[in-house]
Amino acid sequence: MTPIQSLSALRPLLAAECAAEAPAAGIEAADLEQSVWVRLLSDRRTDRGRRSVSALRLRAAVRAEARVARRRARREVLYDPTTGEPPGESCVEAAVLAAEEGRALRAAVRRLPGRCPGLLAALLSRRDPTYREIAGELGISQGSLGPVRSRCLGCLRRMLTAEVGASERGGKER
């Protein structure tokens, strides 16, 4: 058997080993397989005495390349080319989480008593109205918006704390 034939015979084993190691290394199995091929072929050039690759040597090469990939993944810092800053989350994930939080907040605001739903909906509006515009829409004086807003936010805070659970030790509000 020629050296190339021995590598071809081990290809299914290589594919299976790479498929098993790739998820833990954080790379695609095909990329890991390609790295292992490069390692094996470059080792063959330097190891003049060895003519074939054993299954044990193949597994060792896969694990070594997986370790290299894990180390590289820990060191790499991805940057968003448009902003030049490292991303905290993917844009899609951040948008989905923000939309979900917005829906939960609007649902909680609708459950508030009295004038609170109207006042807080106006404050959360995308068009960003002034206190004068909000007072005109709700039919209350501009001077009473601050105290009413404070009471409504306190009620909302208590409602959300009861739903989510106390964030501080002992269940105390700030």
Protein backbone atom coordinates (compact mmCIF):
# COMPACT_ATOMS: atom_id res chain seq x y z
CA MET A 1 0.00 0.00 0.00
CA THR A 2 1.41 3.42 -0.94
CA PRO A 3 1.40 6.30 1.56
CA ILE A 4 -1.36 8.10 -0.35
CA GLN A 5 -3.50 4.97 -0.33
CA SER A 6 -3.05 4.59 3.43
CA LEU A 7 -4.27 8.16 3.94
CA SER A 8 -7.24 7.52 1.66
CA ALA A 9 -8.13 4.40 3.61
CA LEU A 10 -8.17 6.42 6.85
CA ARG A 11 -10.40 9.17 5.43
CA PRO A 12 -13.68 7.86 7.00
CA LEU A 13 -11.97 7.63 10.38
CA LEU A 14 -10.59 11.14 9.96
CA ALA A 15 -14.05 12.51 9.07
CA ALA A 16 -15.62 10.80 12.09
CA GLU A 17 -12.90 12.02 14.48
CA CYS A 18 -13.18 15.57 13.17
CA ALA A 19 -16.97 15.53 13.45
CA ALA A 20 -16.61 14.44 17.08
CA GLU A 21 -13.93 16.99 18.04
CA ALA A 22 -15.07 20.03 16.04
CA PRO A 23 -17.99 21.20 18.26
CA ALA A 24 -15.79 21.34 21.36
CA ALA A 25 -13.13 23.21 19.40
CA GLY A 26 -15.67 25.73 18.11
CA ILE A 27 -14.92 25.19 14.42
CA GLU A 28 -16.48 23.39 11.49
CA ALA A 29 -15.62 19.72 11.06
CA ALA A 30 -14.49 20.34 7.46
CA ASP A 31 -12.07 23.06 8.63
CA LEU A 32 -10.66 20.76 11.29
CA GLU A 33 -10.30 17.96 8.75
CA GLN A 34 -8.44 20.26 6.40
CA SER A 35 -6.07 21.34 9.19
CA VAL A 36 -5.37 17.73 10.06
CA TRP A 37 -4.64 16.88 6.42
CA VAL A 38 -2.15 19.74 6.27
CA ARG A 39 -0.53 18.59 9.52
CA LEU A 40 -0.31 14.97 8.40
CA LEU A 41 1.11 15.84 4.99
CA SER A 42 3.65 18.29 6.42
CA ASP A 43 4.66 15.69 9.05
CA ARG A 44 5.16 13.15 6.27
CA ARG A 45 7.66 15.44 4.58
CA THR A 46 9.68 15.80 7.78
CA ASP A 47 9.32 12.16 8.91
CA ARG A 48 11.30 10.46 6.19
CA GLY A 49 11.35 7.11 8.00
CA ARG A 50 7.55 6.82 8.35
CA ARG A 51 5.74 5.69 5.29
CA SER A 52 2.17 5.27 6.60
CA VAL A 53 -0.16 6.86 9.11
CA SER A 54 -1.70 4.72 11.82
CA ALA A 55 -5.16 5.22 13.30
CA LEU A 56 -3.59 6.26 16.61
CA ARG A 57 -1.42 8.85 14.93
CA LEU A 58 -4.44 10.14 13.02
CA ARG A 59 -6.47 10.52 16.25
CA ALA A 60 -3.54 12.29 17.93
CA ALA A 61 -3.32 14.71 15.00
CA VAL A 62 -7.06 15.46 15.20
CA ARG A 63 -6.86 16.15 18.93
CA ALA A 64 -3.77 18.32 18.51
CA GLU A 65 -5.44 20.42 15.82
CA ALA A 66 -8.59 20.71 17.98
CA ARG A 67 -6.44 21.99 20.88
CA VAL A 68 -4.85 24.55 18.58
CA ALA A 69 -8.30 25.69 17.41
CA ARG A 70 -9.56 26.01 21.01
CA ARG A 71 -6.54 28.09 22.01
CA ARG A 72 -6.97 30.28 18.95
CA ALA A 73 -10.68 30.78 19.72
CA ARG A 74 -9.87 31.89 23.28
CA ARG A 75 -7.35 34.44 22.05
CA GLU A 76 -9.31 35.83 19.13
CA VAL A 77 -11.40 38.94 19.61
CA LEU A 78 -13.94 39.55 16.89
CA TYR A 79 -14.52 43.10 15.75
CA ASP A 80 -17.44 44.59 13.92
CA PRO A 81 -15.91 46.13 10.78
CA THR A 82 -18.50 48.92 10.71
CA THR A 83 -17.92 50.14 14.27
CA GLY A 84 -14.45 48.74 15.03
CA GLU A 85 -15.64 47.47 18.40
CA PRO A 86 -16.06 43.92 19.67
CA PRO A 87 -19.68 42.82 19.46
CA GLY A 88 -21.44 41.86 22.68
CA GLU A 89 -24.06 39.79 20.92
CA SER A 90 -25.02 39.23 17.34
CA CYS A 91 -27.16 42.01 15.90
CA VAL A 92 -30.05 39.63 15.32
CA GLU A 93 -29.89 38.26 18.86
CA ALA A 94 -29.71 41.75 20.35
CA ALA A 95 -32.69 42.88 18.26
CA VAL A 96 -34.77 39.86 19.29
CA LEU A 97 -33.95 40.36 22.98
CA ALA A 98 -34.71 44.09 22.81
CA ALA A 99 -38.05 43.43 21.09
CA GLU A 100 -38.95 40.81 23.69
CA GLU A 101 -38.07 43.16 26.56
CA GLY A 102 -40.11 45.92 24.92
CA ARG A 103 -43.16 43.66 24.58
CA ALA A 104 -42.87 42.54 28.20
CA LEU A 105 -42.57 46.15 29.39
CA ARG A 106 -45.57 47.34 27.33
CA ALA A 107 -47.65 44.40 28.61
CA ALA A 108 -46.76 45.29 32.21
CA VAL A 109 -47.58 48.97 31.59
CA ARG A 110 -51.04 48.02 30.23
CA ARG A 111 -51.78 46.16 33.49
CA LEU A 112 -51.12 49.22 35.67
CA PRO A 113 -54.10 50.90 37.41
CA GLY A 114 -55.64 54.33 36.76
CA ARG A 115 -53.88 56.90 34.55
CA CYS A 116 -50.57 55.03 34.65
CA PRO A 117 -50.96 53.08 31.38
CA GLY A 118 -51.68 56.23 29.38
CA LEU A 119 -48.93 58.27 31.02
CA LEU A 120 -46.20 55.64 30.72
CA ALA A 121 -47.26 54.74 27.16
CA ALA A 122 -46.86 58.42 26.28
CA LEU A 123 -43.45 58.56 27.96
CA LEU A 124 -42.34 55.40 26.13
CA SER A 125 -43.64 56.66 22.78
CA ARG A 126 -41.22 56.67 19.85
CA ARG A 127 -42.17 60.21 18.92
CA ASP A 128 -40.73 61.47 22.26
CA PRO A 129 -43.42 64.04 23.23
CA THR A 130 -42.73 66.91 25.63
CA TYR A 131 -44.35 67.15 29.08
CA ARG A 132 -46.63 69.89 27.71
CA GLU A 133 -47.85 67.58 24.89
CA ILE A 134 -48.38 64.66 27.29
CA ALA A 135 -50.31 66.87 29.72
CA GLY A 136 -52.51 68.11 26.88
CA GLU A 137 -53.21 64.57 25.64
CA LEU A 138 -54.06 63.22 29.10
CA GLY A 139 -55.94 66.30 30.28
CA ILE A 140 -53.91 66.84 33.46
CA SER A 141 -51.72 69.73 34.54
CA GLN A 142 -48.09 69.74 33.51
CA GLY A 143 -47.00 70.20 37.15
CA SER A 144 -48.65 66.97 38.26
CA LEU A 145 -46.94 64.81 35.60
CA GLY A 146 -43.75 64.35 37.68
CA PRO A 147 -45.46 63.06 40.85
CA VAL A 148 -47.89 60.87 38.88
CA ARG A 149 -45.00 59.50 36.82
CA SER A 150 -43.07 58.72 40.02
CA ARG A 151 -46.04 56.85 41.53
CA CYS A 152 -46.64 54.93 38.28
CA LEU A 153 -42.97 53.91 38.01
CA GLY A 154 -43.01 52.77 41.64
CA CYS A 155 -46.09 50.67 40.96
CA LEU A 156 -44.49 49.23 37.82
CA ARG A 157 -41.29 48.45 39.73
CA ARG A 158 -43.22 46.62 42.46
CA MET A 159 -45.23 44.68 39.86
CA LEU A 160 -42.14 43.62 37.92
CA THR A 161 -40.22 42.76 41.09
CA ALA A 162 -43.06 40.50 42.18
CA GLU A 163 -43.12 38.80 38.76
CA VAL A 164 -39.38 38.38 38.28
CA GLY A 165 -38.32 38.00 41.89
CA ALA A 166 -36.38 40.23 44.20
CA SER A 167 -33.03 41.21 42.75
CA GLU A 168 -31.54 42.18 46.11
CA ARG A 169 -30.94 40.05 49.13
CA GLY A 170 -33.92 40.06 51.48
CA GLY A 171 -36.31 41.26 48.76
CA LYS A 172 -35.76 44.93 49.51
CA GLU A 173 -36.44 47.59 46.94
CA ARG A 174 -34.01 50.38 46.45
